[in-house]
Amino acid sequence: MPDRILLIEDDRRLAEMVKNYLGGAGFDVAVAPKGATGIALQGREAFDAVILDLMLPDLDGLEVCRRIRAQTNVPILMLTARGDAMDRVVGLELGADDYLPKPFEPRELLARLRAILRRAKGERKSDVLRFGRLEVDVDARQVRLDGDVRALTSYQFALLLTLARNAGRVLSRDTIMDHLKNERLEAFDRSIDVHISRIRAAIEDEPKTPRRVITVRGAGYVFAKAQD
């Protein structure tokens, strides 16, 4: 299968050029024109690398880099038209793997992309979040408790993954909905609370007294970092 690349770039002409060029080199490229869209897309699909423009219409590219890096170790190649070297330094400190100033030659972009992919494949480990007896397998989109696969819908898996990737942090219902706004909700149920209840039934030893997905009254939900 070809490597999947997420390009977060609001310049339509440039995005189309990069998509076509990388597509001709054998890559499968998805384009997100805004930072929030890119974060959401990366959160629900598996990509081998992210190409990220720092100048975006909704979110600063450095913030997008920070949020993506908080979720995953996917390689990030920054594109920047800014002249300030400090932006590049900050980007690298936030977890970007490389940067390329604009304007750039497509061949250099391809070379840099291949280089970070080679490094990542040499270092990459299975993307599995482990919390005691519970495992959230991002690549397989499976949740396992004591090695047994627990049945969740695609939406419920995405919801649990959002909580797990923010373990120890209280997320409000609005924040959760924002993370999942590009997920298709089941037509018969649009309630976060009901989905949480079903997740608990799948992964908690005692769903009525949960120890993994905990309600914080008046604030939202938190996924416990320490679990048995």
C-alpha atoms as a PDB file:
ATOM      1  CA  MET A   1       0.000   0.000   0.000  1.00  0.00           C
ATOM      2  CA  PRO A   2       1.243   3.546  -0.712  1.00  0.00           C
ATOM      3  CA  ASP A   3       2.272   5.790   2.154  1.00  0.00           C
ATOM      4  CA  ARG A   4      -0.590   8.066   3.206  1.00  0.00           C
ATOM      5  CA  ILE A   5       0.276  11.742   3.564  1.00  0.00           C
ATOM      6  CA  LEU A   6      -1.852  14.445   5.184  1.00  0.00           C
ATOM      7  CA  LEU A   7      -1.216  17.881   3.657  1.00  0.00           C
ATOM      8  CA  ILE A   8      -2.531  20.776   5.791  1.00  0.00           C
ATOM      9  CA  GLU A   9      -2.377  23.725   3.412  1.00  0.00           C
ATOM     10  CA  ASP A  10      -4.904  26.503   2.658  1.00  0.00           C
ATOM     11  CA  ASP A  11      -3.367  27.612  -0.669  1.00  0.00           C
ATOM     12  CA  ARG A  12      -5.487  25.600  -3.106  1.00  0.00           C
ATOM     13  CA  ARG A  13      -3.125  25.952  -6.042  1.00  0.00           C
ATOM     14  CA  LEU A  14      -0.113  24.867  -4.004  1.00  0.00           C
ATOM     15  CA  ALA A  15      -2.054  22.033  -2.363  1.00  0.00           C
ATOM     16  CA  GLU A  16      -3.172  20.714  -5.739  1.00  0.00           C
ATOM     17  CA  MET A  17       0.369  20.929  -7.122  1.00  0.00           C
ATOM     18  CA  VAL A  18       1.832  19.073  -4.137  1.00  0.00           C
ATOM     19  CA  LYS A  19      -0.935  16.465  -4.185  1.00  0.00           C
ATOM     20  CA  ASN A  20      -0.413  15.763  -7.882  1.00  0.00           C
ATOM     21  CA  TYR A  21       3.381  15.692  -7.614  1.00  0.00           C
ATOM     22  CA  LEU A  22       3.433  13.365  -4.612  1.00  0.00           C
ATOM     23  CA  GLY A  23       0.672  11.278  -6.144  1.00  0.00           C
ATOM     24  CA  GLY A  24       2.875  10.805  -9.201  1.00  0.00           C
ATOM     25  CA  ALA A  25       5.648   9.650  -6.875  1.00  0.00           C
ATOM     26  CA  GLY A  26       3.405   6.952  -5.442  1.00  0.00           C
ATOM     27  CA  PHE A  27       1.918   8.627  -2.369  1.00  0.00           C
ATOM     28  CA  ASP A  28      -1.743   8.791  -1.338  1.00  0.00           C
ATOM     29  CA  VAL A  29      -2.355  12.425  -0.333  1.00  0.00           C
ATOM     30  CA  ALA A  30      -5.309  13.856   1.608  1.00  0.00           C
ATOM     31  CA  VAL A  31      -5.654  17.653   1.811  1.00  0.00           C
ATOM     32  CA  ALA A  32      -7.027  19.669   4.731  1.00  0.00           C
ATOM     33  CA  PRO A  33      -7.417  23.421   4.065  1.00  0.00           C
ATOM     34  CA  LYS A  34      -7.588  24.391   7.753  1.00  0.00           C
ATOM     35  CA  GLY A  35      -5.721  23.472  10.895  1.00  0.00           C
ATOM     36  CA  ALA A  36      -8.787  22.243  12.799  1.00  0.00           C
ATOM     37  CA  THR A  37      -9.802  20.060   9.858  1.00  0.00           C
ATOM     38  CA  GLY A  38      -6.319  18.584   9.680  1.00  0.00           C
ATOM     39  CA  ILE A  39      -6.233  17.822  13.410  1.00  0.00           C
ATOM     40  CA  ALA A  40      -9.613  16.090  13.233  1.00  0.00           C
ATOM     41  CA  LEU A  41      -8.669  14.122  10.107  1.00  0.00           C
ATOM     42  CA  GLN A  42      -5.385  12.991  11.617  1.00  0.00           C
ATOM     43  CA  GLY A  43      -7.218  11.959  14.765  1.00  0.00           C
ATOM     44  CA  ARG A  44      -9.528   9.536  13.009  1.00  0.00           C
ATOM     45  CA  GLU A  45      -7.371   8.202  10.162  1.00  0.00           C
ATOM     46  CA  ALA A  46      -3.901   6.689   9.985  1.00  0.00           C
ATOM     47  CA  PHE A  47      -1.278   8.726   8.093  1.00  0.00           C
ATOM     48  CA  ASP A  48       2.390   7.975   7.555  1.00  0.00           C
ATOM     49  CA  ALA A  49       3.422  11.651   7.560  1.00  0.00           C
ATOM     50  CA  VAL A  50       1.993  15.166   7.824  1.00  0.00           C
ATOM     51  CA  ILE A  51       3.060  18.138   5.697  1.00  0.00           C
ATOM     52  CA  LEU A  52       2.022  21.236   7.632  1.00  0.00           C
ATOM     53  CA  ASP A  53       1.912  24.851   6.486  1.00  0.00           C
ATOM     54  CA  LEU A  54       2.581  27.260   9.357  1.00  0.00           C
ATOM     55  CA  MET A  55       0.367  30.013   7.900  1.00  0.00           C
ATOM     56  CA  LEU A  56      -3.227  28.793   8.188  1.00  0.00           C
ATOM     57  CA  PRO A  57      -6.493  30.773   8.265  1.00  0.00           C
ATOM     58  CA  ASP A  58      -7.889  29.408  11.532  1.00  0.00           C
ATOM     59  CA  LEU A  59      -5.085  28.133  13.772  1.00  0.00           C
ATOM     60  CA  ASP A  60      -1.413  28.969  13.959  1.00  0.00           C
ATOM     61  CA  GLY A  61       0.570  26.161  12.388  1.00  0.00           C
ATOM     62  CA  LEU A  62       2.739  25.861  15.493  1.00  0.00           C
ATOM     63  CA  GLU A  63      -0.387  25.174  17.553  1.00  0.00           C
ATOM     64  CA  VAL A  64      -1.504  22.578  15.009  1.00  0.00           C
ATOM     65  CA  CYS A  65       1.925  20.952  15.286  1.00  0.00           C
ATOM     66  CA  ARG A  66       1.664  20.889  19.073  1.00  0.00           C
ATOM     67  CA  ARG A  67      -1.794  19.310  19.031  1.00  0.00           C
ATOM     68  CA  ILE A  68      -0.872  16.650  16.487  1.00  0.00           C
ATOM     69  CA  ARG A  69       2.300  15.785  18.356  1.00  0.00           C
ATOM     70  CA  ALA A  70       0.277  15.416  21.573  1.00  0.00           C
ATOM     71  CA  GLN A  71      -1.782  12.723  19.821  1.00  0.00           C
ATOM     72  CA  THR A  72       0.748  10.781  17.791  1.00  0.00           C
ATOM     73  CA  ASN A  73       4.376  10.363  16.742  1.00  0.00           C
ATOM     74  CA  VAL A  74       3.558  10.736  13.032  1.00  0.00           C
ATOM     75  CA  PRO A  75       6.433  12.516  11.185  1.00  0.00           C
ATOM     76  CA  ILE A  76       5.719  16.206  10.556  1.00  0.00           C
ATOM     77  CA  LEU A  77       7.324  18.277   7.799  1.00  0.00           C
ATOM     78  CA  MET A  78       6.676  22.006   8.218  1.00  0.00           C
ATOM     79  CA  LEU A  79       6.291  24.422   5.328  1.00  0.00           C
ATOM     80  CA  THR A  80       7.009  28.027   6.215  1.00  0.00           C
ATOM     81  CA  ALA A  81       7.048  31.314   4.334  1.00  0.00           C
ATOM     82  CA  ARG A  82       8.023  33.158   7.495  1.00  0.00           C
ATOM     83  CA  GLY A  83      11.462  34.701   7.594  1.00  0.00           C
ATOM     84  CA  ASP A  84      11.902  34.358  11.354  1.00  0.00           C
ATOM     85  CA  ALA A  85      14.227  31.474  12.146  1.00  0.00           C
ATOM     86  CA  MET A  86      12.685  31.331  15.626  1.00  0.00           C
ATOM     87  CA  ASP A  87       9.471  29.911  14.147  1.00  0.00           C
ATOM     88  CA  ARG A  88      11.449  27.024  12.716  1.00  0.00           C
ATOM     89  CA  VAL A  89      13.250  26.496  16.007  1.00  0.00           C
ATOM     90  CA  VAL A  90       9.970  26.504  17.948  1.00  0.00           C
ATOM     91  CA  GLY A  91       8.418  24.137  15.424  1.00  0.00           C
ATOM     92  CA  LEU A  92      11.264  21.671  15.813  1.00  0.00           C
ATOM     93  CA  GLU A  93      11.064  21.982  19.596  1.00  0.00           C
ATOM     94  CA  LEU A  94       7.322  21.238  19.421  1.00  0.00           C
ATOM     95  CA  GLY A  95       8.090  17.986  17.651  1.00  0.00           C
ATOM     96  CA  ALA A  96       8.304  18.698  13.922  1.00  0.00           C
ATOM     97  CA  ASP A  97      10.828  16.443  12.168  1.00  0.00           C
ATOM     98  CA  ASP A  98      11.969  18.867   9.461  1.00  0.00           C
ATOM     99  CA  TYR A  99      11.066  22.136   7.776  1.00  0.00           C
ATOM    100  CA  LEU A 100      11.135  23.512   4.249  1.00  0.00           C
ATOM    101  CA  PRO A 101      11.003  27.247   3.473  1.00  0.00           C
ATOM    102  CA  LYS A 102       8.649  28.544   0.769  1.00  0.00           C
ATOM    103  CA  PRO A 103       9.013  28.757  -2.135  1.00  0.00           C
ATOM    104  CA  PHE A 104      10.463  25.295  -2.587  1.00  0.00           C
ATOM    105  CA  GLU A 105      11.275  22.873  -5.351  1.00  0.00           C
ATOM    106  CA  PRO A 106       8.915  19.860  -5.444  1.00  0.00           C
ATOM    107  CA  ARG A 107      11.928  17.564  -5.737  1.00  0.00           C
ATOM    108  CA  GLU A 108      13.330  18.874  -2.462  1.00  0.00           C
ATOM    109  CA  LEU A 109       9.955  18.378  -0.766  1.00  0.00           C
ATOM    110  CA  LEU A 110       9.893  14.792  -2.033  1.00  0.00           C
ATOM    111  CA  ALA A 111      13.458  14.156  -0.850  1.00  0.00           C
ATOM    112  CA  ARG A 112      12.801  15.549   2.620  1.00  0.00           C
ATOM    113  CA  LEU A 113       9.525  13.626   2.895  1.00  0.00           C
ATOM    114  CA  ARG A 114      11.203  10.362   1.946  1.00  0.00           C
ATOM    115  CA  ALA A 115      13.990  11.037   4.454  1.00  0.00           C
ATOM    116  CA  ILE A 116      11.649  11.531   7.426  1.00  0.00           C
ATOM    117  CA  LEU A 117       9.628   8.487   6.373  1.00  0.00           C
ATOM    118  CA  ARG A 118      12.780   6.363   6.268  1.00  0.00           C
ATOM    119  CA  ARG A 119      13.742   7.534   9.749  1.00  0.00           C
ATOM    120  CA  ALA A 120      10.240   6.950  11.079  1.00  0.00           C
ATOM    121  CA  LYS A 121       9.996   3.446   9.655  1.00  0.00           C
ATOM    122  CA  GLY A 122      13.310   2.608  11.242  1.00  0.00           C
ATOM    123  CA  GLU A 123      12.069   3.833  14.626  1.00  0.00           C
ATOM    124  CA  ARG A 124       8.320   3.229  14.446  1.00  0.00           C
ATOM    125  CA  LYS A 125       6.673   1.045  17.006  1.00  0.00           C
ATOM    126  CA  SER A 126       3.138  -0.207  17.003  1.00  0.00           C
ATOM    127  CA  ASP A 127       0.793   2.663  17.920  1.00  0.00           C
ATOM    128  CA  VAL A 128      -0.876   1.031  20.902  1.00  0.00           C
ATOM    129  CA  LEU A 129      -1.897   2.990  23.993  1.00  0.00           C
ATOM    130  CA  ARG A 130      -1.613   0.816  27.093  1.00  0.00           C
ATOM    131  CA  PHE A 131      -3.320   1.475  30.413  1.00  0.00           C
ATOM    132  CA  GLY A 132      -2.810  -1.497  32.669  1.00  0.00           C
ATOM    133  CA  ARG A 133      -5.038  -4.301  31.382  1.00  0.00           C
ATOM    134  CA  LEU A 134      -6.572  -2.042  28.715  1.00  0.00           C
ATOM    135  CA  GLU A 135      -5.070  -1.536  25.256  1.00  0.00           C
ATOM    136  CA  VAL A 136      -6.240   0.929  22.602  1.00  0.00           C
ATOM    137  CA  ASP A 137      -4.777  -0.210  19.282  1.00  0.00           C
ATOM    138  CA  VAL A 138      -4.844   2.807  16.960  1.00  0.00           C
ATOM    139  CA  ASP A 139      -3.683   0.985  13.817  1.00  0.00           C
ATOM    140  CA  ALA A 140      -6.126  -1.918  14.205  1.00  0.00           C
ATOM    141  CA  ARG A 141      -8.846   0.368  15.651  1.00  0.00           C
ATOM    142  CA  GLN A 142      -9.423  -2.168  18.394  1.00  0.00           C
ATOM    143  CA  VAL A 143      -9.874  -1.973  22.141  1.00  0.00           C
ATOM    144  CA  ARG A 144      -8.668  -4.955  24.164  1.00  0.00           C
ATOM    145  CA  LEU A 145      -9.171  -5.750  27.836  1.00  0.00           C
ATOM    146  CA  ASP A 146      -7.022  -8.591  29.152  1.00  0.00           C
ATOM    147  CA  GLY A 147      -6.288  -9.391  25.499  1.00  0.00           C
ATOM    148  CA  ASP A 148      -9.958  -9.777  24.543  1.00  0.00           C
ATOM    149  CA  VAL A 149     -11.349  -7.466  21.855  1.00  0.00           C
ATOM    150  CA  ARG A 150     -14.249  -5.361  23.122  1.00  0.00           C
ATOM    151  CA  ALA A 151     -16.958  -4.384  20.649  1.00  0.00           C
ATOM    152  CA  LEU A 152     -17.262  -0.654  19.982  1.00  0.00           C
ATOM    153  CA  THR A 153     -18.696   1.262  17.061  1.00  0.00           C
ATOM    154  CA  SER A 154     -16.343   3.385  14.974  1.00  0.00           C
ATOM    155  CA  TYR A 155     -17.663   6.513  16.684  1.00  0.00           C
ATOM    156  CA  GLN A 156     -17.257   5.022  20.150  1.00  0.00           C
ATOM    157  CA  PHE A 157     -13.688   3.992  19.328  1.00  0.00           C
ATOM    158  CA  ALA A 158     -12.909   7.548  18.173  1.00  0.00           C
ATOM    159  CA  LEU A 159     -14.471   8.946  21.347  1.00  0.00           C
ATOM    160  CA  LEU A 160     -12.476   6.581  23.567  1.00  0.00           C
ATOM    161  CA  LEU A 161      -9.286   7.340  21.627  1.00  0.00           C
ATOM    162  CA  THR A 162      -9.826  11.075  22.149  1.00  0.00           C
ATOM    163  CA  LEU A 163     -10.156  10.534  25.898  1.00  0.00           C
ATOM    164  CA  ALA A 164      -7.200   8.133  26.045  1.00  0.00           C
ATOM    165  CA  ARG A 165      -4.908  10.483  24.142  1.00  0.00           C
ATOM    166  CA  ASN A 166      -5.787  13.161  26.697  1.00  0.00           C
ATOM    167  CA  ALA A 167      -5.495  10.847  29.720  1.00  0.00           C
ATOM    168  CA  GLY A 168      -5.593  12.758  32.992  1.00  0.00           C
ATOM    169  CA  ARG A 169      -7.165  15.820  31.370  1.00  0.00           C
ATOM    170  CA  VAL A 170     -10.829  16.687  31.898  1.00  0.00           C
ATOM    171  CA  LEU A 171     -12.607  17.150  28.559  1.00  0.00           C
ATOM    172  CA  SER A 172     -15.939  18.929  28.381  1.00  0.00           C
ATOM    173  CA  ARG A 173     -18.689  17.583  26.148  1.00  0.00           C
ATOM    174  CA  ASP A 174     -18.155  20.536  23.808  1.00  0.00           C
ATOM    175  CA  THR A 175     -14.428  19.771  23.573  1.00  0.00           C
ATOM    176  CA  ILE A 176     -15.158  16.124  22.818  1.00  0.00           C
ATOM    177  CA  MET A 177     -17.681  17.105  20.149  1.00  0.00           C
ATOM    178  CA  ASP A 178     -15.123  19.477  18.633  1.00  0.00           C
ATOM    179  CA  HIS A 179     -12.570  16.652  18.395  1.00  0.00           C
ATOM    180  CA  LEU A 180     -15.151  14.373  16.806  1.00  0.00           C
ATOM    181  CA  LYS A 181     -17.042  16.818  14.619  1.00  0.00           C
ATOM    182  CA  ASN A 182     -15.956  15.063  11.412  1.00  0.00           C
ATOM    183  CA  GLU A 183     -16.998  11.643  12.719  1.00  0.00           C
ATOM    184  CA  ARG A 184     -20.303  10.332  11.444  1.00  0.00           C
ATOM    185  CA  LEU A 185     -22.742  10.060  14.326  1.00  0.00           C
ATOM    186  CA  GLU A 186     -25.085   7.080  14.363  1.00  0.00           C
ATOM    187  CA  ALA A 187     -28.503   8.298  13.258  1.00  0.00           C
ATOM    188  CA  PHE A 188     -30.248   6.635  16.172  1.00  0.00           C
ATOM    189  CA  ASP A 189     -28.150   8.285  18.884  1.00  0.00           C
ATOM    190  CA  ARG A 190     -26.392  11.639  19.079  1.00  0.00           C
ATOM    191  CA  SER A 191     -25.740  11.689  22.831  1.00  0.00           C
ATOM    192  CA  ILE A 192     -22.164  11.735  24.119  1.00  0.00           C
ATOM    193  CA  ASP A 193     -23.430  10.476  27.474  1.00  0.00           C
ATOM    194  CA  VAL A 194     -25.073   7.422  25.947  1.00  0.00           C
ATOM    195  CA  HIS A 195     -21.917   6.580  23.992  1.00  0.00           C
ATOM    196  CA  ILE A 196     -19.875   6.927  27.183  1.00  0.00           C
ATOM    197  CA  SER A 197     -22.275   4.522  28.885  1.00  0.00           C
ATOM    198  CA  ARG A 198     -21.745   1.965  26.118  1.00  0.00           C
ATOM    199  CA  ILE A 199     -17.974   2.394  26.252  1.00  0.00           C
ATOM    200  CA  ARG A 200     -18.084   1.768  29.985  1.00  0.00           C
ATOM    201  CA  ALA A 201     -20.144  -1.370  29.456  1.00  0.00           C
ATOM    202  CA  ALA A 202     -17.386  -2.623  27.153  1.00  0.00           C
ATOM    203  CA  ILE A 203     -14.256  -1.727  29.132  1.00  0.00           C
ATOM    204  CA  GLU A 204     -15.144  -1.276  32.799  1.00  0.00           C
ATOM    205  CA  ASP A 205     -15.150  -4.117  35.329  1.00  0.00           C
ATOM    206  CA  GLU A 206     -18.043  -2.392  37.090  1.00  0.00           C
ATOM    207  CA  PRO A 207     -19.730   0.009  34.619  1.00  0.00           C
ATOM    208  CA  LYS A 208     -21.829   1.602  37.366  1.00  0.00           C
ATOM    209  CA  THR A 209     -18.678   2.494  39.323  1.00  0.00           C
ATOM    210  CA  PRO A 210     -16.215   3.269  36.499  1.00  0.00           C
ATOM    211  CA  ARG A 211     -12.488   3.512  37.140  1.00  0.00           C
ATOM    212  CA  ARG A 212     -11.324   4.197  33.571  1.00  0.00           C
ATOM    213  CA  VAL A 213     -13.745   6.751  32.087  1.00  0.00           C
ATOM    214  CA  ILE A 214     -14.751   8.987  34.975  1.00  0.00           C
ATOM    215  CA  THR A 215     -17.423  11.684  35.112  1.00  0.00           C
ATOM    216  CA  VAL A 216     -16.310  15.037  36.533  1.00  0.00           C
ATOM    217  CA  ARG A 217     -19.535  16.647  37.619  1.00  0.00           C
ATOM    218  CA  GLY A 218     -20.256  19.900  35.839  1.00  0.00           C
ATOM    219  CA  ALA A 219     -17.068  19.628  33.764  1.00  0.00           C
ATOM    220  CA  GLY A 220     -17.104  16.548  31.543  1.00  0.00           C
ATOM    221  CA  TYR A 221     -15.114  13.329  31.450  1.00  0.00           C
ATOM    222  CA  VAL A 222     -11.571  12.260  32.241  1.00  0.00           C
ATOM    223  CA  PHE A 223      -9.729   9.099  31.241  1.00  0.00           C
ATOM    224  CA  ALA A 224      -7.716   7.795  34.190  1.00  0.00           C
ATOM    225  CA  LYS A 225      -3.959   7.593  33.579  1.00  0.00           C
ATOM    226  CA  ALA A 226      -3.307   4.989  36.273  1.00  0.00           C
ATOM    227  CA  GLN A 227      -5.271   1.787  35.774  1.00  0.00           C
ATOM    228  CA  ASP A 228      -5.041  -1.776  37.009  1.00  0.00           C
END
